[in-house]
Amino acid sequence: MELGLTFPLQRFLRQKPPPYGAETDWRFCWDLHVIELRGRDCLLAVHCHSRYTFVRFDVPRLLWADLPGLFRAGLTDSLSAAGFGPAQIEAYLQAASEVRITRTHGRREVAFLNRAWEDVLALDTCLDTASAAQPMLDWAVNAHPSRCVGFEGLAPAAERIGASLK
């Protein structure tokens, strides 16, 4: 699985630019970004294939050091809240194999990430400031019809991610 880091996230983490990705199956590619919600640093993760989005709110500086672990916890919490079972989530993670940190996966994918970010900002009334996991915010963003790289036309990302998990 490839986790593509945006330039702002690379700067935030004080990392050198990672290599370009080599994954050809977009179902195993995610782009990650650091955003600020209510004055707190948050992780925004967007699936390149379906535009499924999740947010981790108020991530402590120490947790950013293990970005793959932070991502995996966020993905597991978000997919569980969306109704996917532990076996289905684990099967996806196993099929995706090891995590590789890369650059983002292309202009079009980053454009969809930016649209997801706009949706998060527009729906921040769903934010639960007492929790890192954001099931209501994730649900609201993913229920909104959108476009993505892996599918034609408008549809909710919540519907599309199921096909990617198979």
C-alpha atoms as a PDB file:
ATOM      1  CA  MET A   1       0.000   0.000   0.000  1.00  0.00           C
ATOM      2  CA  GLU A   2       1.274   3.455  -0.840  1.00  0.00           C
ATOM      3  CA  LEU A   3       0.687   6.516   1.301  1.00  0.00           C
ATOM      4  CA  GLY A   4       1.360   9.616  -0.777  1.00  0.00           C
ATOM      5  CA  LEU A   5       2.347  12.670   1.249  1.00  0.00           C
ATOM      6  CA  THR A   6       1.376  16.158   0.131  1.00  0.00           C
ATOM      7  CA  PHE A   7       4.081  18.840   0.174  1.00  0.00           C
ATOM      8  CA  PRO A   8       2.548  20.539   3.243  1.00  0.00           C
ATOM      9  CA  LEU A   9       2.584  17.215   5.117  1.00  0.00           C
ATOM     10  CA  GLN A  10       6.206  16.594   4.101  1.00  0.00           C
ATOM     11  CA  ARG A  11       7.148  20.034   5.467  1.00  0.00           C
ATOM     12  CA  PHE A  12       5.090  19.486   8.630  1.00  0.00           C
ATOM     13  CA  LEU A  13       6.899  16.186   9.257  1.00  0.00           C
ATOM     14  CA  ARG A  14      10.246  17.768   8.299  1.00  0.00           C
ATOM     15  CA  GLN A  15      10.880  15.012   5.766  1.00  0.00           C
ATOM     16  CA  LYS A  16      12.803  14.997   2.535  1.00  0.00           C
ATOM     17  CA  PRO A  17      10.572  14.356  -0.467  1.00  0.00           C
ATOM     18  CA  PRO A  18       9.868  10.619  -0.645  1.00  0.00           C
ATOM     19  CA  PRO A  19      10.242   8.684  -3.909  1.00  0.00           C
ATOM     20  CA  TYR A  20       7.515   8.449  -6.490  1.00  0.00           C
ATOM     21  CA  GLY A  21       5.192   5.498  -6.092  1.00  0.00           C
ATOM     22  CA  ALA A  22       5.229   2.364  -8.198  1.00  0.00           C
ATOM     23  CA  GLU A  23       1.822   0.872  -7.266  1.00  0.00           C
ATOM     24  CA  THR A  24      -0.324   0.246 -10.352  1.00  0.00           C
ATOM     25  CA  ASP A  25      -3.490  -0.728  -8.483  1.00  0.00           C
ATOM     26  CA  TRP A  26      -5.140   2.507  -7.257  1.00  0.00           C
ATOM     27  CA  ARG A  27      -7.170   0.500  -4.729  1.00  0.00           C
ATOM     28  CA  PHE A  28      -4.005   0.409  -2.632  1.00  0.00           C
ATOM     29  CA  CYS A  29      -3.091   4.089  -2.916  1.00  0.00           C
ATOM     30  CA  TRP A  30      -3.998   6.823  -0.436  1.00  0.00           C
ATOM     31  CA  ASP A  31      -2.939  10.458  -0.327  1.00  0.00           C
ATOM     32  CA  LEU A  32      -2.371  12.060   3.077  1.00  0.00           C
ATOM     33  CA  HIS A  33      -2.480  15.718   4.077  1.00  0.00           C
ATOM     34  CA  VAL A  34      -2.198  17.728   7.275  1.00  0.00           C
ATOM     35  CA  ILE A  35      -5.106  20.109   7.862  1.00  0.00           C
ATOM     36  CA  GLU A  36      -6.118  22.379  10.691  1.00  0.00           C
ATOM     37  CA  LEU A  37      -9.565  22.046  12.217  1.00  0.00           C
ATOM     38  CA  ARG A  38     -10.494  24.301  15.127  1.00  0.00           C
ATOM     39  CA  GLY A  39      -6.853  25.130  15.682  1.00  0.00           C
ATOM     40  CA  ARG A  40      -5.726  21.477  15.877  1.00  0.00           C
ATOM     41  CA  ASP A  41      -3.462  19.517  13.522  1.00  0.00           C
ATOM     42  CA  CYS A  42      -5.392  16.719  11.838  1.00  0.00           C
ATOM     43  CA  LEU A  43      -4.672  13.953   9.362  1.00  0.00           C
ATOM     44  CA  LEU A  44      -6.776  13.932   6.197  1.00  0.00           C
ATOM     45  CA  ALA A  45      -6.553  10.660   4.252  1.00  0.00           C
ATOM     46  CA  VAL A  46      -8.168  10.246   0.825  1.00  0.00           C
ATOM     47  CA  HIS A  47      -8.379   6.974  -1.090  1.00  0.00           C
ATOM     48  CA  CYS A  48      -7.103   7.588  -4.626  1.00  0.00           C
ATOM     49  CA  HIS A  49      -9.487   5.115  -6.268  1.00  0.00           C
ATOM     50  CA  SER A  50     -12.821   5.953  -4.598  1.00  0.00           C
ATOM     51  CA  ARG A  51     -12.193   9.310  -2.845  1.00  0.00           C
ATOM     52  CA  TYR A  52     -13.220   7.716   0.455  1.00  0.00           C
ATOM     53  CA  THR A  53     -12.050  10.146   3.126  1.00  0.00           C
ATOM     54  CA  PHE A  54     -11.321   9.985   6.817  1.00  0.00           C
ATOM     55  CA  VAL A  55     -10.037  12.479   9.373  1.00  0.00           C
ATOM     56  CA  ARG A  56      -8.004  11.945  12.551  1.00  0.00           C
ATOM     57  CA  PHE A  57      -8.596  14.936  14.792  1.00  0.00           C
ATOM     58  CA  ASP A  58      -6.038  16.619  17.040  1.00  0.00           C
ATOM     59  CA  VAL A  59      -3.149  14.247  16.364  1.00  0.00           C
ATOM     60  CA  PRO A  60      -0.431  14.636  19.024  1.00  0.00           C
ATOM     61  CA  ARG A  61       3.041  15.378  17.648  1.00  0.00           C
ATOM     62  CA  LEU A  62       4.357  12.024  18.887  1.00  0.00           C
ATOM     63  CA  LEU A  63       1.819  10.041  16.810  1.00  0.00           C
ATOM     64  CA  TRP A  64       2.929  11.707  13.581  1.00  0.00           C
ATOM     65  CA  ALA A  65       6.267   9.859  13.956  1.00  0.00           C
ATOM     66  CA  ASP A  66       4.479   6.573  13.153  1.00  0.00           C
ATOM     67  CA  LEU A  67       2.509   7.708  10.124  1.00  0.00           C
ATOM     68  CA  PRO A  68       1.711   4.143   8.921  1.00  0.00           C
ATOM     69  CA  GLY A  69       0.352   3.269  12.394  1.00  0.00           C
ATOM     70  CA  LEU A  70      -1.624   6.507  12.576  1.00  0.00           C
ATOM     71  CA  PHE A  71      -3.077   5.835   9.127  1.00  0.00           C
ATOM     72  CA  ARG A  72      -3.934   2.208   9.906  1.00  0.00           C
ATOM     73  CA  ALA A  73      -5.711   3.156  13.159  1.00  0.00           C
ATOM     74  CA  GLY A  74      -7.660   5.878  11.369  1.00  0.00           C
ATOM     75  CA  LEU A  75      -8.604   3.623   8.470  1.00  0.00           C
ATOM     76  CA  THR A  76      -9.696   0.799  10.753  1.00  0.00           C
ATOM     77  CA  ASP A  77     -11.813   3.117  12.921  1.00  0.00           C
ATOM     78  CA  SER A  78     -13.398   4.811   9.923  1.00  0.00           C
ATOM     79  CA  LEU A  79     -14.218   1.620   8.009  1.00  0.00           C
ATOM     80  CA  SER A  80     -15.551  -0.041  11.169  1.00  0.00           C
ATOM     81  CA  ALA A  81     -17.854   2.920  11.793  1.00  0.00           C
ATOM     82  CA  ALA A  82     -18.957   2.713   8.136  1.00  0.00           C
ATOM     83  CA  GLY A  83     -20.151  -0.862   8.715  1.00  0.00           C
ATOM     84  CA  PHE A  84     -17.267  -2.948   7.382  1.00  0.00           C
ATOM     85  CA  GLY A  85     -16.346  -5.967   9.486  1.00  0.00           C
ATOM     86  CA  PRO A  86     -12.927  -6.649  10.996  1.00  0.00           C
ATOM     87  CA  ALA A  87     -12.323  -9.580   8.638  1.00  0.00           C
ATOM     88  CA  GLN A  88     -13.040  -7.448   5.564  1.00  0.00           C
ATOM     89  CA  ILE A  89     -10.774  -4.637   6.780  1.00  0.00           C
ATOM     90  CA  GLU A  90      -7.960  -7.042   7.641  1.00  0.00           C
ATOM     91  CA  ALA A  91      -8.294  -8.788   4.265  1.00  0.00           C
ATOM     92  CA  TYR A  92      -7.887  -5.411   2.521  1.00  0.00           C
ATOM     93  CA  LEU A  93      -4.836  -4.536   4.622  1.00  0.00           C
ATOM     94  CA  GLN A  94      -3.289  -7.958   3.932  1.00  0.00           C
ATOM     95  CA  ALA A  95      -3.918  -7.643   0.182  1.00  0.00           C
ATOM     96  CA  ALA A  96      -2.358  -4.177   0.232  1.00  0.00           C
ATOM     97  CA  SER A  97       0.854  -5.607   1.764  1.00  0.00           C
ATOM     98  CA  GLU A  98       3.518  -3.399   3.321  1.00  0.00           C
ATOM     99  CA  VAL A  99       3.118   0.360   3.595  1.00  0.00           C
ATOM    100  CA  ARG A 100       5.391   2.529   1.475  1.00  0.00           C
ATOM    101  CA  ILE A 101       5.627   6.292   1.896  1.00  0.00           C
ATOM    102  CA  THR A 102       5.649   8.075  -1.483  1.00  0.00           C
ATOM    103  CA  ARG A 103       4.821  11.353  -3.105  1.00  0.00           C
ATOM    104  CA  THR A 104       1.172  12.008  -3.929  1.00  0.00           C
ATOM    105  CA  HIS A 105      -0.290  10.017  -6.785  1.00  0.00           C
ATOM    106  CA  GLY A 106      -0.928  12.741  -9.349  1.00  0.00           C
ATOM    107  CA  ARG A 107      -2.554  16.091 -10.019  1.00  0.00           C
ATOM    108  CA  ARG A 108      -6.003  14.663 -10.521  1.00  0.00           C
ATOM    109  CA  GLU A 109      -5.838  12.686  -7.279  1.00  0.00           C
ATOM    110  CA  VAL A 110      -4.646  15.771  -5.367  1.00  0.00           C
ATOM    111  CA  ALA A 111      -7.491  17.776  -6.922  1.00  0.00           C
ATOM    112  CA  PHE A 112      -9.934  15.217  -5.494  1.00  0.00           C
ATOM    113  CA  LEU A 113      -8.122  15.424  -2.140  1.00  0.00           C
ATOM    114  CA  ASN A 114      -8.618  19.202  -2.184  1.00  0.00           C
ATOM    115  CA  ARG A 115     -12.333  18.751  -2.896  1.00  0.00           C
ATOM    116  CA  ALA A 116     -12.553  16.298   0.010  1.00  0.00           C
ATOM    117  CA  TRP A 117     -10.841  18.888   2.213  1.00  0.00           C
ATOM    118  CA  GLU A 118     -13.430  21.482   1.149  1.00  0.00           C
ATOM    119  CA  ASP A 119     -16.185  19.017   2.083  1.00  0.00           C
ATOM    120  CA  VAL A 120     -14.578  18.451   5.504  1.00  0.00           C
ATOM    121  CA  LEU A 121     -14.444  22.205   6.114  1.00  0.00           C
ATOM    122  CA  ALA A 122     -18.053  22.652   5.002  1.00  0.00           C
ATOM    123  CA  LEU A 123     -19.220  19.827   7.271  1.00  0.00           C
ATOM    124  CA  ASP A 124     -17.108  20.596  10.336  1.00  0.00           C
ATOM    125  CA  THR A 125     -20.290  20.928  12.410  1.00  0.00           C
ATOM    126  CA  CYS A 126     -20.096  17.121  12.497  1.00  0.00           C
ATOM    127  CA  LEU A 127     -16.703  17.303  14.232  1.00  0.00           C
ATOM    128  CA  ASP A 128     -16.443  15.671  17.658  1.00  0.00           C
ATOM    129  CA  THR A 129     -13.638  17.533  19.434  1.00  0.00           C
ATOM    130  CA  ALA A 130     -13.527  14.887  22.181  1.00  0.00           C
ATOM    131  CA  SER A 131     -12.380  12.088  19.851  1.00  0.00           C
ATOM    132  CA  ALA A 132      -9.559  11.390  17.404  1.00  0.00           C
ATOM    133  CA  ALA A 133     -11.882   9.188  15.313  1.00  0.00           C
ATOM    134  CA  GLN A 134     -14.532  11.171  13.466  1.00  0.00           C
ATOM    135  CA  PRO A 135     -17.295   8.762  12.414  1.00  0.00           C
ATOM    136  CA  MET A 136     -19.963  11.442  11.914  1.00  0.00           C
ATOM    137  CA  LEU A 137     -17.676  13.716   9.901  1.00  0.00           C
ATOM    138  CA  ASP A 138     -16.377  10.775   7.847  1.00  0.00           C
ATOM    139  CA  TRP A 139     -19.937   9.616   7.190  1.00  0.00           C
ATOM    140  CA  ALA A 140     -21.088  13.104   6.132  1.00  0.00           C
ATOM    141  CA  VAL A 141     -18.165  13.599   3.731  1.00  0.00           C
ATOM    142  CA  ASN A 142     -18.421  10.111   2.243  1.00  0.00           C
ATOM    143  CA  ALA A 143     -22.210  10.265   1.815  1.00  0.00           C
ATOM    144  CA  HIS A 144     -21.868  13.356  -0.362  1.00  0.00           C
ATOM    145  CA  PRO A 145     -21.918  12.500  -4.119  1.00  0.00           C
ATOM    146  CA  SER A 146     -18.512  13.154  -5.644  1.00  0.00           C
ATOM    147  CA  ARG A 147     -16.243  12.302  -8.541  1.00  0.00           C
ATOM    148  CA  CYS A 148     -13.099  10.197  -8.292  1.00  0.00           C
ATOM    149  CA  VAL A 149     -10.393   8.573 -10.383  1.00  0.00           C
ATOM    150  CA  GLY A 150     -11.619   4.979 -10.247  1.00  0.00           C
ATOM    151  CA  PHE A 151     -15.299   5.408 -11.180  1.00  0.00           C
ATOM    152  CA  GLU A 152     -17.321   7.363 -13.719  1.00  0.00           C
ATOM    153  CA  GLY A 153     -19.901   9.958 -12.704  1.00  0.00           C
ATOM    154  CA  LEU A 154     -21.151  11.149  -9.348  1.00  0.00           C
ATOM    155  CA  ALA A 155     -21.707   8.779  -6.435  1.00  0.00           C
ATOM    156  CA  PRO A 156     -20.995   8.677  -2.708  1.00  0.00           C
ATOM    157  CA  ALA A 157     -17.493   7.479  -1.796  1.00  0.00           C
ATOM    158  CA  ALA A 158     -19.100   5.330   0.910  1.00  0.00           C
ATOM    159  CA  GLU A 159     -20.611   3.168  -1.858  1.00  0.00           C
ATOM    160  CA  ARG A 160     -17.417   3.058  -3.925  1.00  0.00           C
ATOM    161  CA  ILE A 161     -15.045   1.997  -1.148  1.00  0.00           C
ATOM    162  CA  GLY A 162     -16.873  -1.318  -0.805  1.00  0.00           C
ATOM    163  CA  ALA A 163     -15.822  -2.298  -4.324  1.00  0.00           C
ATOM    164  CA  SER A 164     -12.224  -1.401  -3.491  1.00  0.00           C
ATOM    165  CA  LEU A 165     -12.230  -3.586  -0.394  1.00  0.00           C
ATOM    166  CA  LYS A 166     -13.179  -6.738  -2.318  1.00  0.00           C
END
